[in-house]
Amino acid sequence: LKNKERAEPRFAIRCAARFLPDEYERHSYHACKLIDCAESSVRVHFRGVMPKHLKGTMFIVLGSDLRARIMVSLIRRSPQDAHVAVFQVDTPDRNWRRFVKALQKHAEAQAVRG
């Protein structure tokens, strides 16, 4: 995945999110913020202590009335910042796929304008 992740265009974003590790009950959400994304991965900054669990569900606020729910698994933790990690998007939902496609189209249009 590391080569694919590097080959994909990444987009700087700021979206509020919550991470629910697979090993916990519903009340064990971890507040976080997406700081960049690609179609197959997201870089996340956790407000508090980053969970130690490797898999879970990310609930993302994409807009005032638009949410995404993606299943993710940890790729790596940042060696520079204990609150930052990169997750692979294992199962994107429809809203996530549309969001990333819109980012890609916008980037392509900007590149054509030059």
N, C-alpha and C. Protein backbone atom coordinates (compact mmCIF):
# COMPACT_ATOMS: atom_id res chain seq x y z
N LEU A 1 0.82 -1.20 0.00
CA LEU A 1 0.00 0.00 0.00
C LEU A 1 0.86 1.26 0.00
N LYS A 2 2.05 1.22 0.57
CA LYS A 2 2.86 2.43 0.65
C LYS A 2 3.14 3.02 -0.72
N ASN A 3 3.44 2.18 -1.72
CA ASN A 3 3.68 2.70 -3.07
C ASN A 3 2.40 3.27 -3.66
N LYS A 4 1.27 2.58 -3.46
CA LYS A 4 0.00 3.08 -3.97
C LYS A 4 -0.34 4.40 -3.30
N GLU A 5 -0.13 4.47 -1.98
CA GLU A 5 -0.43 5.68 -1.24
C GLU A 5 0.38 6.85 -1.78
N ARG A 6 1.64 6.64 -2.08
CA ARG A 6 2.48 7.72 -2.60
C ARG A 6 2.09 8.11 -4.02
N ALA A 7 1.58 7.16 -4.81
CA ALA A 7 1.21 7.44 -6.19
C ALA A 7 -0.11 8.19 -6.29
N GLU A 8 -0.98 8.02 -5.30
CA GLU A 8 -2.28 8.68 -5.32
C GLU A 8 -2.13 10.16 -4.99
N PRO A 9 -2.95 11.00 -5.61
CA PRO A 9 -2.94 12.40 -5.20
C PRO A 9 -3.51 12.52 -3.79
N ARG A 10 -2.88 13.37 -2.98
CA ARG A 10 -3.35 13.63 -1.61
C ARG A 10 -3.92 15.03 -1.57
N PHE A 11 -4.91 15.20 -0.73
CA PHE A 11 -5.61 16.48 -0.63
C PHE A 11 -5.60 16.97 0.81
N ALA A 12 -5.15 18.21 1.01
CA ALA A 12 -5.18 18.81 2.34
C ALA A 12 -6.62 19.16 2.65
N ILE A 13 -7.12 18.66 3.77
CA ILE A 13 -8.49 18.92 4.19
C ILE A 13 -8.51 19.13 5.69
N ARG A 14 -9.59 19.63 6.20
CA ARG A 14 -9.81 19.76 7.64
C ARG A 14 -11.25 19.34 7.90
N CYS A 15 -11.43 18.10 8.29
CA CYS A 15 -12.77 17.56 8.57
C CYS A 15 -12.78 16.96 9.97
N ALA A 16 -13.78 17.36 10.76
CA ALA A 16 -13.95 16.76 12.08
C ALA A 16 -14.37 15.31 11.91
N ALA A 17 -13.93 14.48 12.84
CA ALA A 17 -14.26 13.05 12.75
C ALA A 17 -14.23 12.43 14.14
N ARG A 18 -14.74 11.20 14.19
CA ARG A 18 -14.67 10.38 15.41
C ARG A 18 -14.22 8.99 14.98
N PHE A 19 -13.34 8.40 15.77
CA PHE A 19 -12.85 7.06 15.50
C PHE A 19 -13.41 6.13 16.57
N LEU A 20 -14.00 5.03 16.12
CA LEU A 20 -14.52 4.01 17.03
C LEU A 20 -13.73 2.72 16.80
N PRO A 21 -12.81 2.39 17.71
CA PRO A 21 -12.05 1.14 17.54
C PRO A 21 -12.97 -0.07 17.57
N ASP A 22 -12.62 -1.09 16.82
CA ASP A 22 -13.42 -2.32 16.77
C ASP A 22 -13.56 -2.97 18.15
N GLU A 23 -12.57 -2.81 19.00
CA GLU A 23 -12.55 -3.52 20.28
C GLU A 23 -13.41 -2.88 21.36
N TYR A 24 -14.05 -1.76 21.09
CA TYR A 24 -14.76 -1.04 22.14
C TYR A 24 -16.26 -0.97 21.90
N GLU A 25 -16.95 -0.55 22.95
CA GLU A 25 -18.39 -0.29 22.88
C GLU A 25 -18.61 1.06 22.21
N ARG A 26 -19.84 1.35 21.89
CA ARG A 26 -20.21 2.58 21.17
C ARG A 26 -19.76 3.86 21.87
N HIS A 27 -19.66 3.87 23.18
CA HIS A 27 -19.33 5.10 23.91
C HIS A 27 -17.84 5.42 23.91
N SER A 28 -17.03 4.64 23.25
CA SER A 28 -15.58 4.83 23.28
C SER A 28 -15.04 5.51 22.02
N TYR A 29 -15.69 6.58 21.59
CA TYR A 29 -15.21 7.33 20.43
C TYR A 29 -13.98 8.15 20.79
N HIS A 30 -13.12 8.35 19.80
CA HIS A 30 -11.95 9.21 19.95
C HIS A 30 -12.11 10.38 18.97
N ALA A 31 -12.14 11.60 19.49
CA ALA A 31 -12.26 12.78 18.64
C ALA A 31 -10.98 12.98 17.85
N CYS A 32 -11.15 13.34 16.58
CA CYS A 32 -9.99 13.55 15.72
C CYS A 32 -10.36 14.48 14.57
N LYS A 33 -9.37 14.79 13.77
CA LYS A 33 -9.57 15.65 12.60
C LYS A 33 -8.77 15.08 11.45
N LEU A 34 -9.40 14.93 10.29
CA LEU A 34 -8.67 14.53 9.09
C LEU A 34 -7.86 15.72 8.62
N ILE A 35 -6.58 15.50 8.34
CA ILE A 35 -5.73 16.61 7.90
C ILE A 35 -5.31 16.46 6.45
N ASP A 36 -5.37 15.25 5.91
CA ASP A 36 -5.27 15.06 4.46
C ASP A 36 -5.80 13.68 4.11
N CYS A 37 -6.06 13.51 2.82
CA CYS A 37 -6.65 12.24 2.40
C CYS A 37 -6.26 11.93 0.96
N ALA A 38 -6.43 10.68 0.63
CA ALA A 38 -6.36 10.16 -0.73
C ALA A 38 -7.54 9.20 -0.84
N GLU A 39 -7.73 8.62 -2.00
CA GLU A 39 -8.85 7.70 -2.15
C GLU A 39 -8.75 6.52 -1.19
N SER A 40 -7.53 6.05 -0.94
CA SER A 40 -7.38 4.83 -0.14
C SER A 40 -6.79 5.04 1.25
N SER A 41 -6.56 6.30 1.66
CA SER A 41 -6.00 6.52 3.00
C SER A 41 -6.35 7.90 3.52
N VAL A 42 -6.27 8.03 4.85
CA VAL A 42 -6.49 9.32 5.51
C VAL A 42 -5.40 9.54 6.56
N ARG A 43 -4.98 10.79 6.70
CA ARG A 43 -4.05 11.16 7.78
C ARG A 43 -4.90 11.89 8.82
N VAL A 44 -4.77 11.44 10.06
CA VAL A 44 -5.66 11.89 11.12
C VAL A 44 -4.86 12.44 12.29
N HIS A 45 -5.36 13.52 12.89
CA HIS A 45 -4.78 14.08 14.11
C HIS A 45 -5.80 13.86 15.23
N PHE A 46 -5.38 13.12 16.26
CA PHE A 46 -6.24 12.87 17.41
C PHE A 46 -6.06 13.98 18.43
N ARG A 47 -7.17 14.43 19.03
CA ARG A 47 -7.10 15.49 20.03
C ARG A 47 -6.41 15.01 21.31
N GLY A 48 -6.78 13.84 21.75
CA GLY A 48 -6.21 13.29 22.97
C GLY A 48 -5.22 12.19 22.64
N VAL A 49 -5.11 11.27 23.55
CA VAL A 49 -4.21 10.14 23.35
C VAL A 49 -4.74 9.29 22.20
N MET A 50 -3.85 8.97 21.29
CA MET A 50 -4.25 8.16 20.15
C MET A 50 -4.52 6.73 20.60
N PRO A 51 -5.63 6.15 20.13
CA PRO A 51 -5.93 4.77 20.53
C PRO A 51 -4.86 3.81 20.02
N LYS A 52 -4.70 2.71 20.72
CA LYS A 52 -3.69 1.73 20.34
C LYS A 52 -4.22 0.70 19.36
N HIS A 53 -5.50 0.73 19.10
CA HIS A 53 -6.12 -0.29 18.26
C HIS A 53 -5.90 -0.01 16.78
N LEU A 54 -5.83 -1.07 16.01
CA LEU A 54 -5.42 -0.97 14.62
C LEU A 54 -6.56 -0.85 13.63
N LYS A 55 -7.77 -1.22 14.03
CA LYS A 55 -8.89 -1.19 13.10
C LYS A 55 -10.09 -0.55 13.76
N GLY A 56 -10.97 0.02 12.93
CA GLY A 56 -12.18 0.60 13.48
C GLY A 56 -12.98 1.31 12.40
N THR A 57 -13.92 2.12 12.87
CA THR A 57 -14.80 2.89 11.99
C THR A 57 -14.55 4.37 12.22
N MET A 58 -14.40 5.11 11.13
CA MET A 58 -14.21 6.55 11.18
C MET A 58 -15.51 7.20 10.70
N PHE A 59 -16.06 8.09 11.54
CA PHE A 59 -17.25 8.85 11.20
C PHE A 59 -16.79 10.27 10.91
N ILE A 60 -16.98 10.75 9.67
CA ILE A 60 -16.39 12.00 9.21
C ILE A 60 -17.47 13.01 8.83
N VAL A 61 -17.29 14.26 9.26
CA VAL A 61 -18.18 15.34 8.89
C VAL A 61 -17.62 15.97 7.62
N LEU A 62 -18.30 15.77 6.49
CA LEU A 62 -17.83 16.30 5.20
C LEU A 62 -18.43 17.66 4.88
N GLY A 63 -19.53 17.98 5.49
CA GLY A 63 -20.23 19.24 5.28
C GLY A 63 -21.33 19.38 6.30
N SER A 64 -22.11 20.46 6.21
CA SER A 64 -23.12 20.71 7.24
C SER A 64 -24.14 19.57 7.33
N ASP A 65 -24.50 18.97 6.21
CA ASP A 65 -25.48 17.88 6.21
C ASP A 65 -24.93 16.61 5.59
N LEU A 66 -23.63 16.48 5.50
CA LEU A 66 -23.05 15.33 4.82
C LEU A 66 -22.03 14.64 5.71
N ARG A 67 -22.23 13.35 5.90
CA ARG A 67 -21.34 12.54 6.73
C ARG A 67 -20.85 11.34 5.94
N ALA A 68 -19.69 10.83 6.31
CA ALA A 68 -19.17 9.59 5.72
C ALA A 68 -18.84 8.64 6.86
N ARG A 69 -18.94 7.37 6.55
CA ARG A 69 -18.59 6.31 7.50
C ARG A 69 -17.68 5.34 6.75
N ILE A 70 -16.42 5.27 7.19
CA ILE A 70 -15.46 4.40 6.51
C ILE A 70 -14.83 3.44 7.52
N MET A 71 -14.58 2.23 7.07
CA MET A 71 -13.86 1.26 7.88
C MET A 71 -12.38 1.46 7.57
N VAL A 72 -11.54 1.53 8.62
CA VAL A 72 -10.13 1.84 8.44
C VAL A 72 -9.24 0.88 9.23
N SER A 73 -7.98 0.80 8.81
CA SER A 73 -6.97 0.07 9.57
C SER A 73 -5.68 0.88 9.56
N LEU A 74 -4.97 0.83 10.66
CA LEU A 74 -3.76 1.64 10.83
C LEU A 74 -2.66 1.19 9.88
N ILE A 75 -2.06 2.16 9.18
CA ILE A 75 -0.88 1.90 8.36
C ILE A 75 0.37 2.22 9.18
N ARG A 76 0.39 3.42 9.75
CA ARG A 76 1.54 3.82 10.57
C ARG A 76 1.20 5.02 11.44
N ARG A 77 1.96 5.15 12.49
CA ARG A 77 1.87 6.31 13.38
C ARG A 77 3.00 7.26 13.01
N SER A 78 2.79 8.54 13.18
CA SER A 78 3.83 9.51 12.85
C SER A 78 4.96 9.45 13.88
N PRO A 79 6.21 9.36 13.41
CA PRO A 79 7.33 9.39 14.36
C PRO A 79 7.56 10.79 14.94
N GLN A 80 7.06 11.82 14.27
CA GLN A 80 7.27 13.20 14.72
C GLN A 80 6.18 13.70 15.67
N ASP A 81 4.95 13.15 15.56
CA ASP A 81 3.83 13.65 16.35
C ASP A 81 3.01 12.46 16.86
N ALA A 82 2.97 12.29 18.15
CA ALA A 82 2.28 11.14 18.76
C ALA A 82 0.77 11.17 18.55
N HIS A 83 0.24 12.28 18.06
CA HIS A 83 -1.20 12.41 17.85
C HIS A 83 -1.62 12.15 16.40
N VAL A 84 -0.66 11.86 15.51
CA VAL A 84 -0.95 11.73 14.08
C VAL A 84 -0.71 10.30 13.61
N ALA A 85 -1.64 9.83 12.76
CA ALA A 85 -1.50 8.48 12.18
C ALA A 85 -2.12 8.46 10.80
N VAL A 86 -1.68 7.50 9.99
CA VAL A 86 -2.26 7.28 8.66
C VAL A 86 -3.02 5.96 8.69
N PHE A 87 -4.26 6.01 8.21
CA PHE A 87 -5.11 4.84 8.15
C PHE A 87 -5.44 4.50 6.71
N GLN A 88 -5.46 3.22 6.41
CA GLN A 88 -5.94 2.74 5.12
C GLN A 88 -7.46 2.73 5.16
N VAL A 89 -8.09 3.18 4.07
CA VAL A 89 -9.55 3.11 3.96
C VAL A 89 -9.88 1.71 3.42
N ASP A 90 -10.38 0.86 4.30
CA ASP A 90 -10.70 -0.51 3.91
C ASP A 90 -12.05 -0.59 3.19
N THR A 91 -13.04 0.11 3.74
CA THR A 91 -14.38 0.09 3.16
C THR A 91 -14.94 1.50 3.15
N PRO A 92 -14.87 2.17 2.01
CA PRO A 92 -15.44 3.53 1.92
C PRO A 92 -16.95 3.45 1.70
N ASP A 93 -17.66 4.43 2.18
CA ASP A 93 -19.09 4.48 1.85
C ASP A 93 -19.28 5.38 0.63
N ARG A 94 -20.49 5.48 0.19
CA ARG A 94 -20.83 6.25 -1.02
C ARG A 94 -20.43 7.73 -0.88
N ASN A 95 -20.73 8.31 0.29
CA ASN A 95 -20.40 9.72 0.49
C ASN A 95 -18.89 9.96 0.44
N TRP A 96 -18.09 9.04 1.00
CA TRP A 96 -16.64 9.19 0.95
C TRP A 96 -16.14 9.13 -0.49
N ARG A 97 -16.63 8.16 -1.25
CA ARG A 97 -16.20 8.03 -2.65
C ARG A 97 -16.55 9.29 -3.45
N ARG A 98 -17.73 9.81 -3.25
CA ARG A 98 -18.14 11.05 -3.94
C ARG A 98 -17.27 12.23 -3.52
N PHE A 99 -16.97 12.33 -2.25
CA PHE A 99 -16.14 13.42 -1.72
C PHE A 99 -14.76 13.40 -2.37
N VAL A 100 -14.12 12.24 -2.40
CA VAL A 100 -12.78 12.12 -2.98
C VAL A 100 -12.82 12.39 -4.48
N LYS A 101 -13.83 11.91 -5.17
CA LYS A 101 -13.95 12.18 -6.62
C LYS A 101 -14.10 13.67 -6.88
N ALA A 102 -14.86 14.37 -6.04
CA ALA A 102 -15.01 15.82 -6.19
C ALA A 102 -13.68 16.53 -5.98
N LEU A 103 -12.90 16.09 -4.99
CA LEU A 103 -11.57 16.66 -4.77
C LEU A 103 -10.66 16.43 -5.98
N GLN A 104 -10.73 15.22 -6.55
CA GLN A 104 -9.91 14.89 -7.72
C GLN A 104 -10.30 15.74 -8.92
N LYS A 105 -11.60 15.90 -9.16
CA LYS A 105 -12.06 16.72 -10.29
C LYS A 105 -11.64 18.18 -10.13
N HIS A 106 -11.74 18.68 -8.91
CA HIS A 106 -11.33 20.06 -8.64
C HIS A 106 -9.83 20.23 -8.90
N ALA A 107 -9.02 19.29 -8.45
CA ALA A 107 -7.57 19.35 -8.67
C ALA A 107 -7.24 19.28 -10.15
N GLU A 108 -7.93 18.44 -10.89
CA GLU A 108 -7.70 18.33 -12.33
C GLU A 108 -8.06 19.63 -13.04
N ALA A 109 -9.17 20.24 -12.64
CA ALA A 109 -9.58 21.52 -13.25
C ALA A 109 -8.57 22.61 -12.94
N GLN A 110 -8.03 22.63 -11.73
CA GLN A 110 -7.00 23.61 -11.36
C GLN A 110 -5.74 23.40 -12.17
N ALA A 111 -5.37 22.14 -12.42
CA ALA A 111 -4.17 21.83 -13.18
C ALA A 111 -4.30 22.27 -14.63
N VAL A 112 -5.49 22.14 -15.20
CA VAL A 112 -5.73 22.56 -16.58
C VAL A 112 -5.63 24.09 -16.70
N ARG A 113 -6.13 24.78 -15.67
CA ARG A 113 -6.06 26.26 -15.69
C ARG A 113 -4.63 26.76 -15.55
N GLY A 114 -3.81 25.93 -14.94
CA GLY A 114 -2.41 26.17 -14.90
C GLY A 114 -1.79 27.07 -13.98
